Full PDB file with SEQRES, HELIX, SHEET, SSBOND, CRYST1, ORIGX, SCALE, CONECT and MASTER records, all heavy atoms in Angstrom:
SEQRES   1 A   38  THR SER THR ALA PRO SER THR GLY SER SER THR VAL THR          
SEQRES   2 A   38  THR ASP GLY ALA ALA ALA SER THR THR ALA CYS GLY ALA          
SEQRES   3 A   38  ASN GLU SER VAL PRO ALA ALA PRO ALA ALA PRO ALA              
CRYST1    1.000    1.000    1.000  90.00  90.00  90.00 P 1           1          
ORIGX1      1.000000  0.000000  0.000000        0.00000                         
ORIGX2      0.000000  1.000000  0.000000        0.00000                         
ORIGX3      0.000000  0.000000  1.000000        0.00000                         
SCALE1      1.000000  0.000000  0.000000        0.00000                         
SCALE2      0.000000  1.000000  0.000000        0.00000                         
SCALE3      0.000000  0.000000  1.000000        0.00000                         
ATOM      1  N   THR A   1     108.302  93.188  80.315  1.00  0.00           N  
ATOM      2  CA  THR A   1     107.121  93.711  79.648  1.00  0.00           C  
ATOM      3  C   THR A   1     106.347  92.628  78.927  1.00  0.00           C  
ATOM      4  O   THR A   1     105.505  92.919  78.092  1.00  0.00           O  
ATOM      5  CB  THR A   1     107.514  94.801  78.637  1.00  0.00           C  
ATOM      6  OG1 THR A   1     108.415  94.232  77.682  1.00  0.00           O  
ATOM      7  CG2 THR A   1     108.156  95.978  79.320  1.00  0.00           C  
ATOM      8  N   SER A   2     106.608  91.378  79.279  1.00  0.00           N  
ATOM      9  CA  SER A   2     105.968  90.301  78.535  1.00  0.00           C  
ATOM     10  C   SER A   2     104.535  90.059  78.947  1.00  0.00           C  
ATOM     11  O   SER A   2     103.715  89.672  78.135  1.00  0.00           O  
ATOM     12  CB  SER A   2     106.777  89.022  78.708  1.00  0.00           C  
ATOM     13  OG  SER A   2     106.858  88.666  80.074  1.00  0.00           O  
ATOM     14  N   THR A   3     104.198  90.267  80.226  1.00  0.00           N  
ATOM     15  CA  THR A   3     102.842  90.019  80.675  1.00  0.00           C  
ATOM     16  C   THR A   3     102.395  91.105  81.623  1.00  0.00           C  
ATOM     17  O   THR A   3     103.193  91.789  82.240  1.00  0.00           O  
ATOM     18  CB  THR A   3     102.750  88.678  81.415  1.00  0.00           C  
ATOM     19  OG1 THR A   3     103.636  88.711  82.542  1.00  0.00           O  
ATOM     20  CG2 THR A   3     103.124  87.515  80.503  1.00  0.00           C  
ATOM     21  N   ALA A   4     101.086  91.236  81.760  1.00  0.00           N  
ATOM     22  CA  ALA A   4     100.540  92.185  82.716  1.00  0.00           C  
ATOM     23  C   ALA A   4     100.487  91.549  84.097  1.00  0.00           C  
ATOM     24  O   ALA A   4     100.220  90.370  84.240  1.00  0.00           O  
ATOM     25  CB  ALA A   4      99.135  92.593  82.294  1.00  0.00           C  
ATOM     26  N   PRO A   5     100.746  92.327  85.156  1.00  0.00           N  
ATOM     27  CA  PRO A   5     100.657  91.779  86.504  1.00  0.00           C  
ATOM     28  C   PRO A   5      99.219  91.445  86.852  1.00  0.00           C  
ATOM     29  O   PRO A   5      98.300  92.079  86.380  1.00  0.00           O  
ATOM     30  CB  PRO A   5     101.192  92.923  87.381  1.00  0.00           C  
ATOM     31  CG  PRO A   5     100.960  94.153  86.573  1.00  0.00           C  
ATOM     32  CD  PRO A   5     101.112  93.727  85.137  1.00  0.00           C  
ATOM     33  N   SER A   6      99.021  90.456  87.715  1.00  0.00           N  
ATOM     34  CA  SER A   6      97.666  90.045  88.034  1.00  0.00           C  
ATOM     35  C   SER A   6      97.062  90.838  89.166  1.00  0.00           C  
ATOM     36  O   SER A   6      95.870  90.821  89.365  1.00  0.00           O  
ATOM     37  CB  SER A   6      97.644  88.560  88.410  1.00  0.00           C  
ATOM     38  OG  SER A   6      98.465  88.332  89.543  1.00  0.00           O  
ATOM     39  N   THR A   7      97.888  91.560  89.916  1.00  0.00           N  
ATOM     40  CA  THR A   7      97.353  92.387  90.978  1.00  0.00           C  
ATOM     41  C   THR A   7      98.061  93.718  90.990  1.00  0.00           C  
ATOM     42  O   THR A   7      99.205  93.831  90.601  1.00  0.00           O  
ATOM     43  CB  THR A   7      97.546  91.740  92.367  1.00  0.00           C  
ATOM     44  OG1 THR A   7      98.931  91.521  92.584  1.00  0.00           O  
ATOM     45  CG2 THR A   7      96.792  90.428  92.474  1.00  0.00           C  
ATOM     46  N   GLY A   8      97.382  94.752  91.480  1.00  0.00           N  
ATOM     47  CA  GLY A   8      98.001  96.053  91.588  1.00  0.00           C  
ATOM     48  C   GLY A   8      98.965  96.052  92.750  1.00  0.00           C  
ATOM     49  O   GLY A   8      98.699  95.507  93.804  1.00  0.00           O  
ATOM     50  N   SER A   9     100.113  96.708  92.560  1.00  0.00           N  
ATOM     51  CA  SER A   9     101.082  96.751  93.648  1.00  0.00           C  
ATOM     52  C   SER A   9     101.996  97.930  93.489  1.00  0.00           C  
ATOM     53  O   SER A   9     102.243  98.406  92.403  1.00  0.00           O  
ATOM     54  CB  SER A   9     101.924  95.475  93.679  1.00  0.00           C  
ATOM     55  OG  SER A   9     102.710  95.393  92.527  1.00  0.00           O  
ATOM     56  N   SER A  10     102.490  98.402  94.612  1.00  0.00           N  
ATOM     57  CA  SER A  10     103.502  99.444  94.601  1.00  0.00           C  
ATOM     58  C   SER A  10     104.637  98.973  95.475  1.00  0.00           C  
ATOM     59  O   SER A  10     104.431  98.665  96.636  1.00  0.00           O  
ATOM     60  CB  SER A  10     102.932 100.744  95.150  1.00  0.00           C  
ATOM     61  OG  SER A  10     103.934 101.706  95.261  1.00  0.00           O  
ATOM     62  N   THR A  11     105.817  98.897  94.936  1.00  0.00           N  
ATOM     63  CA  THR A  11     106.946  98.362  95.684  1.00  0.00           C  
ATOM     64  C   THR A  11     108.081  99.364  95.679  1.00  0.00           C  
ATOM     65  O   THR A  11     108.471  99.843  94.629  1.00  0.00           O  
ATOM     66  CB  THR A  11     107.439  97.044  95.057  1.00  0.00           C  
ATOM     67  OG1 THR A  11     106.351  96.132  95.004  1.00  0.00           O  
ATOM     68  CG2 THR A  11     108.570  96.451  95.883  1.00  0.00           C  
ATOM     69  N   VAL A  12     108.576  99.678  96.830  1.00  0.00           N  
ATOM     70  CA  VAL A  12     109.751 100.528  96.938  1.00  0.00           C  
ATOM     71  C   VAL A  12     110.824  99.720  97.636  1.00  0.00           C  
ATOM     72  O   VAL A  12     110.628  99.250  98.750  1.00  0.00           O  
ATOM     73  CB  VAL A  12     109.457 101.802  97.742  1.00  0.00           C  
ATOM     74  CG1 VAL A  12     110.712 102.650  97.829  1.00  0.00           C  
ATOM     75  CG2 VAL A  12     108.336 102.591  97.093  1.00  0.00           C  
ATOM     76  N   THR A  13     111.944  99.521  96.988  1.00  0.00           N  
ATOM     77  CA  THR A  13     113.016  98.742  97.585  1.00  0.00           C  
ATOM     78  C   THR A  13     114.230  99.615  97.772  1.00  0.00           C  
ATOM     79  O   THR A  13     114.460 100.561  97.042  1.00  0.00           O  
ATOM     80  CB  THR A  13     113.379  97.553  96.696  1.00  0.00           C  
ATOM     81  OG1 THR A  13     113.814  98.041  95.436  1.00  0.00           O  
ATOM     82  CG2 THR A  13     112.184  96.638  96.489  1.00  0.00           C  
ATOM     83  N   THR A  14     115.003  99.280  98.772  1.00  0.00           N  
ATOM     84  CA  THR A  14     116.217 100.058  99.058  1.00  0.00           C  
ATOM     85  C   THR A  14     117.464  99.208  98.895  1.00  0.00           C  
ATOM     86  O   THR A  14     118.538  99.618  99.306  1.00  0.00           O  
ATOM     87  CB  THR A  14     116.153 100.609 100.494  1.00  0.00           C  
ATOM     88  OG1 THR A  14     115.955  99.517 101.401  1.00  0.00           O  
ATOM     89  CG2 THR A  14     115.014 101.596 100.643  1.00  0.00           C  
ATOM     90  N   ASP A  15     117.320  98.029  98.301  1.00  0.00           N  
ATOM     91  CA  ASP A  15     118.475  97.138  98.161  1.00  0.00           C  
ATOM     92  C   ASP A  15     118.945  97.042  96.716  1.00  0.00           C  
ATOM     93  O   ASP A  15     119.577  96.079  96.324  1.00  0.00           O  
ATOM     94  CB  ASP A  15     118.131  95.749  98.695  1.00  0.00           C  
ATOM     95  CG  ASP A  15     116.942  95.134  97.961  1.00  0.00           C  
ATOM     96  OD1 ASP A  15     116.386  95.813  97.081  1.00  0.00           O  
ATOM     97  OD2 ASP A  15     116.599  93.974  98.272  1.00  0.00           O  
ATOM     98  N   GLY A  16     118.621  98.029  95.903  1.00  0.00           N  
ATOM     99  CA  GLY A  16     119.098  98.044  94.531  1.00  0.00           C  
ATOM    100  C   GLY A  16     118.081  97.554  93.530  1.00  0.00           C  
ATOM    101  O   GLY A  16     118.264  97.704  92.334  1.00  0.00           O  
ATOM    102  N   ALA A  17     116.996  96.969  93.981  1.00  0.00           N  
ATOM    103  CA  ALA A  17     115.970  96.497  93.056  1.00  0.00           C  
ATOM    104  C   ALA A  17     115.120  97.650  92.582  1.00  0.00           C  
ATOM    105  O   ALA A  17     114.982  98.654  93.262  1.00  0.00           O  
ATOM    106  CB  ALA A  17     115.099  95.450  93.744  1.00  0.00           C  
ATOM    107  N   ALA A  18     114.541  97.476  91.401  1.00  0.00           N  
ATOM    108  CA  ALA A  18     113.693  98.537  90.861  1.00  0.00           C  
ATOM    109  C   ALA A  18     112.376  98.583  91.598  1.00  0.00           C  
ATOM    110  O   ALA A  18     111.861  97.573  92.058  1.00  0.00           O  
ATOM    111  CB  ALA A  18     113.442  98.300  89.372  1.00  0.00           C  
ATOM    112  N   ALA A  19     111.825  99.774  91.725  1.00  0.00           N  
ATOM    113  CA  ALA A  19     110.503  99.929  92.313  1.00  0.00           C  
ATOM    114  C   ALA A  19     109.470  99.935  91.202  1.00  0.00           C  
ATOM    115  O   ALA A  19     109.787 100.160  90.050  1.00  0.00           O  
ATOM    116  CB  ALA A  19     110.429 101.229  93.110  1.00  0.00           C  
ATOM    117  N   SER A  20     108.233  99.695  91.578  1.00  0.00           N  
ATOM    118  CA  SER A  20     107.173  99.735  90.578  1.00  0.00           C  
ATOM    119  C   SER A  20     105.967 100.459  91.133  1.00  0.00           C  
ATOM    120  O   SER A  20     105.772 100.523  92.341  1.00  0.00           O  
ATOM    121  CB  SER A  20     106.780  98.326  90.141  1.00  0.00           C  
ATOM    122  OG  SER A  20     106.210  97.620  91.219  1.00  0.00           O  
ATOM    123  N   THR A  21     105.181 101.022  90.236  1.00  0.00           N  
ATOM    124  CA  THR A  21     103.969 101.711  90.656  1.00  0.00           C  
ATOM    125  C   THR A  21     102.804 101.254  89.820  1.00  0.00           C  
ATOM    126  O   THR A  21     102.916 101.015  88.632  1.00  0.00           O  
ATOM    127  CB  THR A  21     104.090 103.239  90.484  1.00  0.00           C  
ATOM    128  OG1 THR A  21     104.197 103.540  89.098  1.00  0.00           O  
ATOM    129  CG2 THR A  21     105.273 103.796  91.221  1.00  0.00           C  
ATOM    130  N   THR A  22     101.673 101.120  90.474  1.00  0.00           N  
ATOM    131  CA  THR A  22     100.420 100.913  89.761  1.00  0.00           C  
ATOM    132  C   THR A  22      99.300 101.440  90.628  1.00  0.00           C  
ATOM    133  O   THR A  22      99.311 101.252  91.828  1.00  0.00           O  
ATOM    134  CB  THR A  22     100.173  99.445  89.405  1.00  0.00           C  
ATOM    135  OG1 THR A  22      98.949  99.346  88.694  1.00  0.00           O  
ATOM    136  CG2 THR A  22     100.086  98.568  90.631  1.00  0.00           C  
ATOM    137  N   ALA A  23      98.369 102.112  90.031  1.00  0.00           N  
ATOM    138  CA  ALA A  23      97.241 102.623  90.780  1.00  0.00           C  
ATOM    139  C   ALA A  23      96.048 101.710  90.635  1.00  0.00           C  
ATOM    140  O   ALA A  23      95.059 101.879  91.309  1.00  0.00           O  
ATOM    141  CB  ALA A  23      96.889 104.024  90.285  1.00  0.00           C  
ATOM    142  N   CYS A  24      96.119 100.753  89.744  1.00  0.00           N  
ATOM    143  CA  CYS A  24      94.958  99.992  89.350  1.00  0.00           C  
ATOM    144  C   CYS A  24      95.231  98.514  89.536  1.00  0.00           C  
ATOM    145  O   CYS A  24      96.183  98.000  88.976  1.00  0.00           O  
ATOM    146  CB  CYS A  24      94.688 100.294  87.885  1.00  0.00           C  
ATOM    147  SG  CYS A  24      92.982 100.305  87.450  1.00  0.00           S  
ATOM    148  N   GLY A  25      94.427  97.815  90.312  1.00  0.00           N  
ATOM    149  CA  GLY A  25      94.682  96.413  90.574  1.00  0.00           C  
ATOM    150  C   GLY A  25      93.817  95.502  89.740  1.00  0.00           C  
ATOM    151  O   GLY A  25      92.886  95.927  89.079  1.00  0.00           O  
ATOM    152  N   ALA A  26      94.120  94.206  89.809  1.00  0.00           N  
ATOM    153  CA  ALA A  26      93.355  93.216  89.069  1.00  0.00           C  
ATOM    154  C   ALA A  26      92.919  92.119  90.007  1.00  0.00           C  
ATOM    155  O   ALA A  26      93.619  91.786  90.941  1.00  0.00           O  
ATOM    156  CB  ALA A  26      94.205  92.631  87.958  1.00  0.00           C  
ATOM    157  N   ASN A  27      91.766  91.537  89.753  1.00  0.00           N  
ATOM    158  CA  ASN A  27      91.302  90.400  90.519  1.00  0.00           C  
ATOM    159  C   ASN A  27      90.863  89.333  89.549  1.00  0.00           C  
ATOM    160  O   ASN A  27      89.746  89.346  89.054  1.00  0.00           O  
ATOM    161  CB  ASN A  27      90.149  90.811  91.439  1.00  0.00           C  
ATOM    162  CG  ASN A  27      89.760  89.699  92.387  1.00  0.00           C  
ATOM    163  OD1 ASN A  27      90.077  88.531  92.153  1.00  0.00           O  
ATOM    164  ND2 ASN A  27      89.092  90.046  93.471  1.00  0.00           N  
ATOM    165  N   GLU A  28      91.787  88.414  89.247  1.00  0.00           N  
ATOM    166  CA  GLU A  28      91.513  87.432  88.214  1.00  0.00           C  
ATOM    167  C   GLU A  28      90.458  86.417  88.631  1.00  0.00           C  
ATOM    168  O   GLU A  28      89.925  85.694  87.809  1.00  0.00           O  
ATOM    169  CB  GLU A  28      92.809  86.694  87.848  1.00  0.00           C  
ATOM    170  CG  GLU A  28      93.893  87.598  87.287  1.00  0.00           C  
ATOM    171  CD  GLU A  28      93.527  88.195  85.951  1.00  0.00           C  
ATOM    172  OE1 GLU A  28      92.537  87.764  85.344  1.00  0.00           O  
ATOM    173  OE2 GLU A  28      94.240  89.102  85.509  1.00  0.00           O  
ATOM    174  N   SER A  29      90.141  86.331  89.929  1.00  0.00           N  
ATOM    175  CA  SER A  29      89.177  85.336  90.371  1.00  0.00           C  
ATOM    176  C   SER A  29      87.738  85.765  90.143  1.00  0.00           C  
ATOM    177  O   SER A  29      86.820  84.971  90.258  1.00  0.00           O  
ATOM    178  CB  SER A  29      89.379  85.039  91.865  1.00  0.00           C  
ATOM    179  OG  SER A  29      89.093  86.188  92.638  1.00  0.00           O  
ATOM    180  N   VAL A  30      87.540  87.039  89.852  1.00  0.00           N  
ATOM    181  CA  VAL A  30      86.187  87.534  89.614  1.00  0.00           C  
ATOM    182  C   VAL A  30      85.797  87.257  88.173  1.00  0.00           C  
ATOM    183  O   VAL A  30      86.468  87.696  87.250  1.00  0.00           O  
ATOM    184  CB  VAL A  30      86.104  89.053  89.899  1.00  0.00           C  
ATOM    185  CG1 VAL A  30      84.708  89.562  89.595  1.00  0.00           C  
ATOM    186  CG2 VAL A  30      86.484  89.329  91.339  1.00  0.00           C  
ATOM    187  N   PRO A  31      84.713  86.524  87.937  1.00  0.00           N  
ATOM    188  CA  PRO A  31      84.337  86.194  86.557  1.00  0.00           C  
ATOM    189  C   PRO A  31      83.898  87.424  85.785  1.00  0.00           C  
ATOM    190  O   PRO A  31      83.371  88.374  86.355  1.00  0.00           O  
ATOM    191  CB  PRO A  31      83.174  85.215  86.735  1.00  0.00           C  
ATOM    192  CG  PRO A  31      82.595  85.555  88.079  1.00  0.00           C  
ATOM    193  CD  PRO A  31      83.765  85.973  88.916  1.00  0.00           C  
ATOM    194  N   ALA A  32      84.121  87.385  84.490  1.00  0.00           N  
ATOM    195  CA  ALA A  32      83.717  88.491  83.638  1.00  0.00           C  
ATOM    196  C   ALA A  32      82.202  88.559  83.560  1.00  0.00           C  
ATOM    197  O   ALA A  32      81.523  87.554  83.427  1.00  0.00           O  
ATOM    198  CB  ALA A  32      84.296  88.308  82.243  1.00  0.00           C  
ATOM    199  N   ALA A  33      81.678  89.776  83.651  1.00  0.00           N  
ATOM    200  CA  ALA A  33      80.240  89.962  83.493  1.00  0.00           C  
ATOM    201  C   ALA A  33      79.882  89.837  82.019  1.00  0.00           C  
ATOM    202  O   ALA A  33      80.673  90.168  81.148  1.00  0.00           O  
ATOM    203  CB  ALA A  33      79.847  91.350  84.011  1.00  0.00           C  
ATOM    204  N   PRO A  34      78.686  89.341  81.716  1.00  0.00           N  
ATOM    205  CA  PRO A  34      78.296  89.239  80.305  1.00  0.00           C  
ATOM    206  C   PRO A  34      78.193  90.607  79.660  1.00  0.00           C  
ATOM    207  O   PRO A  34      77.799  91.576  80.302  1.00  0.00           O  
ATOM    208  CB  PRO A  34      76.931  88.550  80.368  1.00  0.00           C  
ATOM    209  CG  PRO A  34      76.429  88.834  81.755  1.00  0.00           C  
ATOM    210  CD  PRO A  34      77.639  88.873  82.626  1.00  0.00           C  
ATOM    211  N   ALA A  35      78.577  90.688  78.418  1.00  0.00           N  
ATOM    212  CA  ALA A  35      78.519  91.962  77.710  1.00  0.00           C  
ATOM    213  C   ALA A  35      77.075  92.404  77.550  1.00  0.00           C  
ATOM    214  O   ALA A  35      76.186  91.607  77.238  1.00  0.00           O  
ATOM    215  CB  ALA A  35      79.177  91.824  76.344  1.00  0.00           C  
ATOM    216  N   ALA A  36      76.825  93.701  77.774  1.00  0.00           N  
ATOM    217  CA  ALA A  36      75.477  94.242  77.604  1.00  0.00           C  
ATOM    218  C   ALA A  36      75.214  94.502  76.129  1.00  0.00           C  
ATOM    219  O   ALA A  36      76.143  94.672  75.341  1.00  0.00           O  
ATOM    220  CB  ALA A  36      75.345  95.537  78.404  1.00  0.00           C  
ATOM    221  N   PRO A  37      73.943  94.542  75.739  1.00  0.00           N  
ATOM    222  CA  PRO A  37      73.636  94.872  74.340  1.00  0.00           C  
ATOM    223  C   PRO A  37      74.167  96.251  73.969  1.00  0.00           C  
ATOM    224  O   PRO A  37      74.212  97.148  74.811  1.00  0.00           O  
ATOM    225  CB  PRO A  37      72.100  94.844  74.312  1.00  0.00           C  
ATOM    226  CG  PRO A  37      71.705  94.050  75.511  1.00  0.00           C  
ATOM    227  CD  PRO A  37      72.765  94.290  76.540  1.00  0.00           C  
ATOM    228  N   ALA A  38      74.562  96.407  72.752  1.00  0.00           N  
ATOM    229  CA  ALA A  38      75.088  97.697  72.309  1.00  0.00           C  
ATOM    230  C   ALA A  38      73.981  98.738  72.318  1.00  0.00           C  
ATOM    231  O   ALA A  38      72.901  98.519  71.790  1.00  0.00           O  
ATOM    232  CB  ALA A  38      75.666  97.573  70.912  1.00  0.00           C  
TER     233      ALA A  38                                                      
MASTER        0    0    0    0    0    0    0    6  232    1    0    3          
END                                                                             
């Protein structure tokens, strides 16, 4: 729980590893848009 994942992923494993779910992905290469005026 130390950091957020950089991309959305869903993993189901059958070899004893934990699975994970996320519906929402991330794209760190896309620059942040400038904040609009309030």
